[in-house]
């Protein structure tokens, strides 16, 4: 779409270049900003000129630059270290995104998170793996769980001029056994519910619900919960909502069912590992 209100464009080369003038907006992949009119936007500041490394493996885990494309993250997952089996969630989450390969090659991880749609695939992935958002403010840097960054369907804790620099996924989450399941009313429709579950090396488990709730739902257990415990926790979570893509009671019911299936699969995986 032609954004006729935009009269200026500049490429950020340093952190100082990220200070926005009135009417300016940050640009990464641009797949959303170019999808509809932006009457309040008169200038664009291109983040890709900062040349952040897409992916950095560290002793603490994986650091994903906000400007890393979804396609590059998926490519990394195909060759991820064997001791990080949860990398398999990356293509599963990317496939939950209602988008073509062309979008994968342009849309960025950070852009998808900052747009904060309830069905945002990179939000689902980040929340599932305890990812922490690294945020550049005007004079400092702060960190917060991606689960807390998203405050509603399309809203975040980011202030004017705040920049998502990266998301950091910790090693304990990457080393987990993790699964993702989704459902939509149409075969190729936007996700009505995305549920993930994982069991960490220390035996603790984490289940998350996104798309079905306006903000990410994170449920933590000391061990793999019983089917009843998990069903009760998922069903009682706040934030299930109704829109043209699904009613709140349907979203709640399918989230309970997906969580139950994930729990059963994780239980079987653990049993087979012990037997082997």
C-alpha atoms as a PDB file:
ATOM      1  CA  UNK A   1       0.000   0.000   0.000  1.00  0.00           C
ATOM      2  CA  UNK A   2       1.210   3.513  -0.755  1.00  0.00           C
ATOM      3  CA  UNK A   3       1.490   5.428   2.521  1.00  0.00           C
ATOM      4  CA  UNK A   4       0.848   8.892   1.162  1.00  0.00           C
ATOM      5  CA  UNK A   5       1.300  10.624   4.517  1.00  0.00           C
ATOM      6  CA  UNK A   6       5.002   9.683   4.651  1.00  0.00           C
ATOM      7  CA  UNK A   7       7.201  12.546   3.524  1.00  0.00           C
ATOM      8  CA  UNK A   8      10.580  11.504   4.975  1.00  0.00           C
ATOM      9  CA  UNK A   9      12.691   8.383   5.318  1.00  0.00           C
ATOM     10  CA  UNK A  10      16.001   7.908   7.072  1.00  0.00           C
ATOM     11  CA  UNK A  11      18.213   4.957   7.999  1.00  0.00           C
ATOM     12  CA  UNK A  12      19.340   4.591  11.611  1.00  0.00           C
ATOM     13  CA  UNK A  13      23.104   3.986  11.881  1.00  0.00           C
ATOM     14  CA  UNK A  14      23.516   4.504  15.630  1.00  0.00           C
ATOM     15  CA  UNK A  15      21.476   4.495  18.800  1.00  0.00           C
ATOM     16  CA  UNK A  16      21.252   8.272  18.664  1.00  0.00           C
ATOM     17  CA  UNK A  17      19.431   7.979  15.343  1.00  0.00           C
ATOM     18  CA  UNK A  18      16.551   6.235  17.103  1.00  0.00           C
ATOM     19  CA  UNK A  19      15.291   9.445  18.697  1.00  0.00           C
ATOM     20  CA  UNK A  20      12.023  10.039  16.884  1.00  0.00           C
ATOM     21  CA  UNK A  21      10.757  13.360  15.641  1.00  0.00           C
ATOM     22  CA  UNK A  22       7.011  14.060  15.729  1.00  0.00           C
ATOM     23  CA  UNK A  23       5.251  11.855  13.191  1.00  0.00           C
ATOM     24  CA  UNK A  24       8.142   9.411  12.778  1.00  0.00           C
ATOM     25  CA  UNK A  25       7.697   5.663  13.230  1.00  0.00           C
ATOM     26  CA  UNK A  26      10.208   2.826  13.400  1.00  0.00           C
ATOM     27  CA  UNK A  27      10.466   0.539  10.385  1.00  0.00           C
ATOM     28  CA  UNK A  28      11.819  -3.022  10.342  1.00  0.00           C
ATOM     29  CA  UNK A  29      10.267  -5.450   7.866  1.00  0.00           C
ATOM     30  CA  UNK A  30       7.315  -3.156   7.248  1.00  0.00           C
ATOM     31  CA  UNK A  31       4.823  -5.931   6.493  1.00  0.00           C
ATOM     32  CA  UNK A  32       2.235  -4.457   8.846  1.00  0.00           C
ATOM     33  CA  UNK A  33       2.924  -0.746   8.462  1.00  0.00           C
ATOM     34  CA  UNK A  34       2.586  -1.103   4.684  1.00  0.00           C
ATOM     35  CA  UNK A  35      -0.645  -3.059   4.973  1.00  0.00           C
ATOM     36  CA  UNK A  36      -2.997  -0.215   5.851  1.00  0.00           C
ATOM     37  CA  UNK A  37      -3.126   3.592   5.938  1.00  0.00           C
ATOM     38  CA  UNK A  38      -0.977   5.304   8.596  1.00  0.00           C
ATOM     39  CA  UNK A  39      -2.394   8.834   8.669  1.00  0.00           C
ATOM     40  CA  UNK A  40      -0.393   9.857  11.756  1.00  0.00           C
ATOM     41  CA  UNK A  41       2.932   8.727  10.274  1.00  0.00           C
ATOM     42  CA  UNK A  42       4.906  11.312   8.316  1.00  0.00           C
ATOM     43  CA  UNK A  43       8.373   9.753   8.488  1.00  0.00           C
ATOM     44  CA  UNK A  44      10.013   6.335   8.748  1.00  0.00           C
ATOM     45  CA  UNK A  45      13.220   5.394  10.584  1.00  0.00           C
ATOM     46  CA  UNK A  46      14.739   2.180   9.199  1.00  0.00           C
ATOM     47  CA  UNK A  47      16.187  -0.078  11.906  1.00  0.00           C
ATOM     48  CA  UNK A  48      17.972  -2.417   9.509  1.00  0.00           C
ATOM     49  CA  UNK A  49      20.812   0.079   9.075  1.00  0.00           C
ATOM     50  CA  UNK A  50      21.970  -0.781  12.592  1.00  0.00           C
ATOM     51  CA  UNK A  51      23.139  -4.167  11.247  1.00  0.00           C
ATOM     52  CA  UNK A  52      22.393  -6.112  14.409  1.00  0.00           C
ATOM     53  CA  UNK A  53      23.518  -9.773  14.203  1.00  0.00           C
ATOM     54  CA  UNK A  54      20.397 -11.848  13.592  1.00  0.00           C
ATOM     55  CA  UNK A  55      21.225 -14.662  16.001  1.00  0.00           C
ATOM     56  CA  UNK A  56      23.838 -15.079  18.728  1.00  0.00           C
ATOM     57  CA  UNK A  57      24.303 -18.322  20.643  1.00  0.00           C
ATOM     58  CA  UNK A  58      25.693 -17.638  24.107  1.00  0.00           C
ATOM     59  CA  UNK A  59      26.223 -19.664  27.301  1.00  0.00           C
ATOM     60  CA  UNK A  60      22.996 -18.099  28.585  1.00  0.00           C
ATOM     61  CA  UNK A  61      20.941 -19.098  25.543  1.00  0.00           C
ATOM     62  CA  UNK A  62      19.918 -17.566  22.237  1.00  0.00           C
ATOM     63  CA  UNK A  63      19.802 -13.834  21.528  1.00  0.00           C
ATOM     64  CA  UNK A  64      17.524 -12.970  18.617  1.00  0.00           C
ATOM     65  CA  UNK A  65      17.800  -9.473  17.168  1.00  0.00           C
ATOM     66  CA  UNK A  66      14.518  -7.671  16.768  1.00  0.00           C
ATOM     67  CA  UNK A  67      15.372  -7.203  13.082  1.00  0.00           C
ATOM     68  CA  UNK A  68      15.921 -10.928  12.467  1.00  0.00           C
ATOM     69  CA  UNK A  69      13.439 -12.152   9.882  1.00  0.00           C
ATOM     70  CA  UNK A  70      11.145 -15.049  10.643  1.00  0.00           C
ATOM     71  CA  UNK A  71      12.697 -16.937   7.721  1.00  0.00           C
ATOM     72  CA  UNK A  72      16.205 -16.597   9.195  1.00  0.00           C
ATOM     73  CA  UNK A  73      15.020 -17.809  12.585  1.00  0.00           C
ATOM     74  CA  UNK A  74      13.369 -20.829  10.961  1.00  0.00           C
ATOM     75  CA  UNK A  75      16.573 -21.572   9.039  1.00  0.00           C
ATOM     76  CA  UNK A  76      18.561 -21.443  12.289  1.00  0.00           C
ATOM     77  CA  UNK A  77      16.151 -23.884  13.948  1.00  0.00           C
ATOM     78  CA  UNK A  78      16.822 -26.468  11.238  1.00  0.00           C
ATOM     79  CA  UNK A  79      20.480 -26.658  12.335  1.00  0.00           C
ATOM     80  CA  UNK A  80      20.098 -25.797  16.025  1.00  0.00           C
ATOM     81  CA  UNK A  81      22.312 -27.628  18.551  1.00  0.00           C
ATOM     82  CA  UNK A  82      21.004 -31.049  19.519  1.00  0.00           C
ATOM     83  CA  UNK A  83      21.040 -30.066  23.193  1.00  0.00           C
ATOM     84  CA  UNK A  84      18.391 -27.432  22.419  1.00  0.00           C
ATOM     85  CA  UNK A  85      15.462 -29.632  21.309  1.00  0.00           C
ATOM     86  CA  UNK A  86      12.911 -26.883  21.960  1.00  0.00           C
ATOM     87  CA  UNK A  87      14.163 -25.192  18.772  1.00  0.00           C
ATOM     88  CA  UNK A  88      11.551 -27.330  17.043  1.00  0.00           C
ATOM     89  CA  UNK A  89       8.952 -24.835  18.275  1.00  0.00           C
ATOM     90  CA  UNK A  90      10.295 -22.217  15.857  1.00  0.00           C
ATOM     91  CA  UNK A  91       8.916 -23.709  12.618  1.00  0.00           C
ATOM     92  CA  UNK A  92       5.739 -24.745  14.438  1.00  0.00           C
ATOM     93  CA  UNK A  93       5.163 -21.145  15.529  1.00  0.00           C
ATOM     94  CA  UNK A  94       6.088 -19.746  12.124  1.00  0.00           C
ATOM     95  CA  UNK A  95       3.603 -22.079  10.481  1.00  0.00           C
ATOM     96  CA  UNK A  96       0.933 -20.803  12.866  1.00  0.00           C
ATOM     97  CA  UNK A  97       1.452 -17.345  11.358  1.00  0.00           C
ATOM     98  CA  UNK A  98      -1.123 -16.609   8.670  1.00  0.00           C
ATOM     99  CA  UNK A  99       1.454 -15.565   6.078  1.00  0.00           C
ATOM    100  CA  UNK A 100       3.210 -16.669   2.915  1.00  0.00           C
ATOM    101  CA  UNK A 101       6.918 -17.413   2.530  1.00  0.00           C
ATOM    102  CA  UNK A 102       7.275 -13.875   1.158  1.00  0.00           C
ATOM    103  CA  UNK A 103       6.136 -12.494   4.509  1.00  0.00           C
ATOM    104  CA  UNK A 104       8.497 -14.870   6.348  1.00  0.00           C
ATOM    105  CA  UNK A 105      11.404 -13.397   4.384  1.00  0.00           C
ATOM    106  CA  UNK A 106      10.464  -9.806   5.227  1.00  0.00           C
ATOM    107  CA  UNK A 107       8.614  -9.773   8.550  1.00  0.00           C
ATOM    108  CA  UNK A 108      10.821  -9.524  11.618  1.00  0.00           C
ATOM    109  CA  UNK A 109      10.647 -11.270  14.962  1.00  0.00           C
ATOM    110  CA  UNK A 110      10.606  -7.943  16.792  1.00  0.00           C
ATOM    111  CA  UNK A 111       7.989  -6.448  14.551  1.00  0.00           C
ATOM    112  CA  UNK A 112       5.618  -9.344  15.150  1.00  0.00           C
ATOM    113  CA  UNK A 113       6.125  -9.087  18.910  1.00  0.00           C
ATOM    114  CA  UNK A 114       5.720  -5.308  19.025  1.00  0.00           C
ATOM    115  CA  UNK A 115       2.513  -5.446  16.970  1.00  0.00           C
ATOM    116  CA  UNK A 116       1.264  -7.585  19.863  1.00  0.00           C
ATOM    117  CA  UNK A 117      -1.705  -9.134  18.153  1.00  0.00           C
ATOM    118  CA  UNK A 118      -3.201 -11.882  20.301  1.00  0.00           C
ATOM    119  CA  UNK A 119      -2.435 -14.375  17.511  1.00  0.00           C
ATOM    120  CA  UNK A 120       1.111 -13.096  16.945  1.00  0.00           C
ATOM    121  CA  UNK A 121       3.209 -16.184  16.227  1.00  0.00           C
ATOM    122  CA  UNK A 122       6.448 -14.777  17.598  1.00  0.00           C
ATOM    123  CA  UNK A 123       4.629 -13.784  20.778  1.00  0.00           C
ATOM    124  CA  UNK A 124       3.496 -17.405  21.126  1.00  0.00           C
ATOM    125  CA  UNK A 125       7.054 -18.654  20.589  1.00  0.00           C
ATOM    126  CA  UNK A 126       8.657 -16.149  22.952  1.00  0.00           C
ATOM    127  CA  UNK A 127       6.177 -16.713  25.746  1.00  0.00           C
ATOM    128  CA  UNK A 128       6.472 -20.487  25.381  1.00  0.00           C
ATOM    129  CA  UNK A 129      10.248 -20.303  25.919  1.00  0.00           C
ATOM    130  CA  UNK A 130      10.423 -17.673  28.689  1.00  0.00           C
ATOM    131  CA  UNK A 131      11.975 -15.133  26.328  1.00  0.00           C
ATOM    132  CA  UNK A 132      13.022 -11.798  27.795  1.00  0.00           C
ATOM    133  CA  UNK A 133      12.659  -8.565  25.833  1.00  0.00           C
ATOM    134  CA  UNK A 134      15.698  -6.259  25.767  1.00  0.00           C
ATOM    135  CA  UNK A 135      14.354  -2.726  25.386  1.00  0.00           C
ATOM    136  CA  UNK A 136      16.347   0.364  24.560  1.00  0.00           C
ATOM    137  CA  UNK A 137      14.914   3.477  26.166  1.00  0.00           C
ATOM    138  CA  UNK A 138      16.098   7.011  25.523  1.00  0.00           C
ATOM    139  CA  UNK A 139      18.885   6.883  28.086  1.00  0.00           C
ATOM    140  CA  UNK A 140      19.001   3.323  29.357  1.00  0.00           C
ATOM    141  CA  UNK A 141      18.076  -0.301  28.794  1.00  0.00           C
ATOM    142  CA  UNK A 142      15.482  -2.422  30.525  1.00  0.00           C
ATOM    143  CA  UNK A 143      14.400  -6.046  30.400  1.00  0.00           C
ATOM    144  CA  UNK A 144      11.062  -7.732  30.902  1.00  0.00           C
ATOM    145  CA  UNK A 145       9.477 -11.052  29.991  1.00  0.00           C
ATOM    146  CA  UNK A 146       7.794 -10.923  26.601  1.00  0.00           C
ATOM    147  CA  UNK A 147       4.715 -12.265  28.413  1.00  0.00           C
ATOM    148  CA  UNK A 148       4.608  -8.975  30.362  1.00  0.00           C
ATOM    149  CA  UNK A 149       5.480  -6.778  27.390  1.00  0.00           C
ATOM    150  CA  UNK A 150       2.138  -7.519  25.734  1.00  0.00           C
ATOM    151  CA  UNK A 151      -0.669  -5.733  27.596  1.00  0.00           C
ATOM    152  CA  UNK A 152      -3.576  -6.392  25.229  1.00  0.00           C
ATOM    153  CA  UNK A 153      -4.554  -7.283  21.692  1.00  0.00           C
ATOM    154  CA  UNK A 154      -2.344  -4.803  19.851  1.00  0.00           C
ATOM    155  CA  UNK A 155      -0.945  -2.965  22.888  1.00  0.00           C
ATOM    156  CA  UNK A 156       2.382  -3.177  24.743  1.00  0.00           C
ATOM    157  CA  UNK A 157       4.377  -1.659  27.580  1.00  0.00           C
ATOM    158  CA  UNK A 158       6.615   0.137  25.085  1.00  0.00           C
ATOM    159  CA  UNK A 159       6.679   3.898  25.417  1.00  0.00           C
ATOM    160  CA  UNK A 160       7.163   6.465  22.674  1.00  0.00           C
ATOM    161  CA  UNK A 161      10.693   6.028  21.350  1.00  0.00           C
ATOM    162  CA  UNK A 162      11.316   2.713  23.118  1.00  0.00           C
ATOM    163  CA  UNK A 163      12.983   0.192  20.817  1.00  0.00           C
ATOM    164  CA  UNK A 164      12.922  -3.571  21.132  1.00  0.00           C
ATOM    165  CA  UNK A 165      16.578  -4.479  20.628  1.00  0.00           C
ATOM    166  CA  UNK A 166      16.399  -8.264  21.019  1.00  0.00           C
ATOM    167  CA  UNK A 167      14.705 -11.171  22.689  1.00  0.00           C
ATOM    168  CA  UNK A 168      16.780 -13.569  24.775  1.00  0.00           C
ATOM    169  CA  UNK A 169      15.723 -17.209  25.140  1.00  0.00           C
ATOM    170  CA  UNK A 170      17.309 -18.946  28.153  1.00  0.00           C
ATOM    171  CA  UNK A 171      19.093 -22.274  27.954  1.00  0.00           C
ATOM    172  CA  UNK A 172      16.743 -24.042  30.377  1.00  0.00           C
ATOM    173  CA  UNK A 173      13.838 -23.413  28.007  1.00  0.00           C
ATOM    174  CA  UNK A 174      15.795 -24.354  24.889  1.00  0.00           C
ATOM    175  CA  UNK A 175      16.830 -27.613  26.567  1.00  0.00           C
ATOM    176  CA  UNK A 176      13.221 -28.557  27.312  1.00  0.00           C
ATOM    177  CA  UNK A 177      10.909 -30.968  25.530  1.00  0.00           C
ATOM    178  CA  UNK A 178       8.328 -28.655  24.016  1.00  0.00           C
ATOM    179  CA  UNK A 179       5.242 -28.872  21.816  1.00  0.00           C
ATOM    180  CA  UNK A 180       2.924 -26.381  20.117  1.00  0.00           C
ATOM    181  CA  UNK A 181      -0.603 -26.964  18.863  1.00  0.00           C
ATOM    182  CA  UNK A 182      -3.010 -24.524  17.246  1.00  0.00           C
ATOM    183  CA  UNK A 183      -6.545 -24.391  15.924  1.00  0.00           C
ATOM    184  CA  UNK A 184      -8.472 -22.007  13.675  1.00  0.00           C
ATOM    185  CA  UNK A 185     -12.067 -21.908  12.479  1.00  0.00           C
ATOM    186  CA  UNK A 186     -10.861 -22.101   8.864  1.00  0.00           C
ATOM    187  CA  UNK A 187      -8.171 -24.447   7.565  1.00  0.00           C
ATOM    188  CA  UNK A 188      -5.885 -21.549   6.678  1.00  0.00           C
ATOM    189  CA  UNK A 189      -7.431 -18.995   9.009  1.00  0.00           C
ATOM    190  CA  UNK A 190      -5.870 -16.923  11.759  1.00  0.00           C
ATOM    191  CA  UNK A 191      -5.231 -18.910  14.910  1.00  0.00           C
ATOM    192  CA  UNK A 192      -8.131 -19.023  17.332  1.00  0.00           C
ATOM    193  CA  UNK A 193      -5.977 -20.657  20.000  1.00  0.00           C
ATOM    194  CA  UNK A 194      -2.287 -21.500  20.271  1.00  0.00           C
ATOM    195  CA  UNK A 195      -1.241 -23.701  23.180  1.00  0.00           C
ATOM    196  CA  UNK A 196       2.283 -24.767  24.092  1.00  0.00           C
ATOM    197  CA  UNK A 197       3.662 -27.066  26.739  1.00  0.00           C
ATOM    198  CA  UNK A 198       7.168 -27.915  27.809  1.00  0.00           C
ATOM    199  CA  UNK A 199       8.985 -29.926  30.452  1.00  0.00           C
ATOM    200  CA  UNK A 200      12.348 -28.508  31.553  1.00  0.00           C
ATOM    201  CA  UNK A 201      15.379 -30.627  32.480  1.00  0.00           C
ATOM    202  CA  UNK A 202      14.597 -30.130  36.192  1.00  0.00           C
ATOM    203  CA  UNK A 203      11.097 -31.598  35.730  1.00  0.00           C
ATOM    204  CA  UNK A 204       9.143 -28.363  36.010  1.00  0.00           C
ATOM    205  CA  UNK A 205       6.552 -27.726  33.315  1.00  0.00           C
ATOM    206  CA  UNK A 206       5.122 -24.638  31.638  1.00  0.00           C
ATOM    207  CA  UNK A 207       1.967 -24.355  29.553  1.00  0.00           C
ATOM    208  CA  UNK A 208       0.972 -21.216  27.675  1.00  0.00           C
ATOM    209  CA  UNK A 209      -2.141 -20.014  25.895  1.00  0.00           C
ATOM    210  CA  UNK A 210      -2.033 -17.285  23.266  1.00  0.00           C
ATOM    211  CA  UNK A 211      -4.386 -16.183  20.478  1.00  0.00           C
ATOM    212  CA  UNK A 212      -7.337 -17.371  22.613  1.00  0.00           C
ATOM    213  CA  UNK A 213      -6.637 -14.820  25.353  1.00  0.00           C
ATOM    214  CA  UNK A 214      -6.067 -11.107  24.847  1.00  0.00           C
ATOM    215  CA  UNK A 215      -2.773 -11.285  26.734  1.00  0.00           C
ATOM    216  CA  UNK A 216      -0.446 -14.281  27.031  1.00  0.00           C
ATOM    217  CA  UNK A 217      -1.400 -16.846  29.653  1.00  0.00           C
ATOM    218  CA  UNK A 218       1.520 -18.609  31.372  1.00  0.00           C
ATOM    219  CA  UNK A 219       0.858 -21.542  33.710  1.00  0.00           C
ATOM    220  CA  UNK A 220       3.758 -23.008  35.707  1.00  0.00           C
ATOM    221  CA  UNK A 221       3.821 -26.301  37.578  1.00  0.00           C
ATOM    222  CA  UNK A 222       6.430 -27.952  39.811  1.00  0.00           C
ATOM    223  CA  UNK A 223       5.886 -31.172  37.832  1.00  0.00           C
ATOM    224  CA  UNK A 224       3.830 -32.237  34.847  1.00  0.00           C
ATOM    225  CA  UNK A 225       0.290 -31.580  36.114  1.00  0.00           C
ATOM    226  CA  UNK A 226      -2.488 -34.121  36.120  1.00  0.00           C
ATOM    227  CA  UNK A 227      -5.024 -33.834  33.330  1.00  0.00           C
ATOM    228  CA  UNK A 228      -7.580 -32.388  35.749  1.00  0.00           C
ATOM    229  CA  UNK A 229      -5.152 -29.854  37.235  1.00  0.00           C
ATOM    230  CA  UNK A 230      -4.168 -28.627  33.799  1.00  0.00           C
ATOM    231  CA  UNK A 231      -7.729 -28.477  32.502  1.00  0.00           C
ATOM    232  CA  UNK A 232      -8.854 -26.464  35.517  1.00  0.00           C
ATOM    233  CA  UNK A 233      -5.933 -24.033  35.183  1.00  0.00           C
ATOM    234  CA  UNK A 234      -6.481 -23.452  31.460  1.00  0.00           C
ATOM    235  CA  UNK A 235     -10.251 -23.134  31.782  1.00  0.00           C
ATOM    236  CA  UNK A 236     -10.021 -20.613  34.627  1.00  0.00           C
ATOM    237  CA  UNK A 237      -7.458 -18.378  32.910  1.00  0.00           C
ATOM    238  CA  UNK A 238      -8.689 -14.815  32.339  1.00  0.00           C
ATOM    239  CA  UNK A 239      -8.878 -13.021  29.022  1.00  0.00           C
ATOM    240  CA  UNK A 240     -10.772 -15.332  26.657  1.00  0.00           C
ATOM    241  CA  UNK A 241     -12.533 -13.061  24.189  1.00  0.00           C
ATOM    242  CA  UNK A 242     -15.037 -13.115  21.351  1.00  0.00           C
ATOM    243  CA  UNK A 243     -14.473 -11.777  17.849  1.00  0.00           C
ATOM    244  CA  UNK A 244     -15.487 -12.878  14.323  1.00  0.00           C
ATOM    245  CA  UNK A 245     -12.800 -15.587  14.443  1.00  0.00           C
ATOM    246  CA  UNK A 246     -14.155 -17.338  17.511  1.00  0.00           C
ATOM    247  CA  UNK A 247     -16.348 -17.072  20.586  1.00  0.00           C
ATOM    248  CA  UNK A 248     -14.814 -16.899  24.056  1.00  0.00           C
ATOM    249  CA  UNK A 249     -16.391 -20.178  25.190  1.00  0.00           C
ATOM    250  CA  UNK A 250     -15.077 -21.936  22.067  1.00  0.00           C
ATOM    251  CA  UNK A 251     -11.595 -20.526  22.608  1.00  0.00           C
ATOM    252  CA  UNK A 252     -11.631 -21.716  26.211  1.00  0.00           C
ATOM    253  CA  UNK A 253     -12.848 -25.206  25.299  1.00  0.00           C
ATOM    254  CA  UNK A 254     -10.356 -25.770  22.487  1.00  0.00           C
ATOM    255  CA  UNK A 255      -7.499 -24.433  24.638  1.00  0.00           C
ATOM    256  CA  UNK A 256      -8.345 -27.021  27.300  1.00  0.00           C
ATOM    257  CA  UNK A 257      -8.416 -29.755  24.657  1.00  0.00           C
ATOM    258  CA  UNK A 258      -5.123 -28.718  23.043  1.00  0.00           C
ATOM    259  CA  UNK A 259      -3.432 -28.490  26.433  1.00  0.00           C
ATOM    260  CA  UNK A 260      -4.701 -31.987  27.299  1.00  0.00           C
ATOM    261  CA  UNK A 261      -3.284 -33.399  24.078  1.00  0.00           C
ATOM    262  CA  UNK A 262       0.077 -31.720  24.635  1.00  0.00           C
ATOM    263  CA  UNK A 263       0.216 -33.018  28.191  1.00  0.00           C
ATOM    264  CA  UNK A 264      -0.473 -36.570  26.999  1.00  0.00           C
ATOM    265  CA  UNK A 265       2.281 -36.320  24.372  1.00  0.00           C
ATOM    266  CA  UNK A 266       4.785 -34.938  26.862  1.00  0.00           C
ATOM    267  CA  UNK A 267       3.892 -37.699  29.319  1.00  0.00           C
ATOM    268  CA  UNK A 268       4.464 -40.338  26.620  1.00  0.00           C
ATOM    269  CA  UNK A 269       7.777 -38.744  25.618  1.00  0.00           C
ATOM    270  CA  UNK A 270       8.980 -38.816  29.209  1.00  0.00           C
ATOM    271  CA  UNK A 271       7.885 -42.426  29.676  1.00  0.00           C
ATOM    272  CA  UNK A 272       9.638 -43.565  26.491  1.00  0.00           C
ATOM    273  CA  UNK A 273      12.847 -41.787  27.523  1.00  0.00           C
ATOM    274  CA  UNK A 274      12.795 -43.503  30.899  1.00  0.00           C
ATOM    275  CA  UNK A 275      12.118 -46.881  29.274  1.00  0.00           C
ATOM    276  CA  UNK A 276      14.943 -46.358  26.796  1.00  0.00           C
END
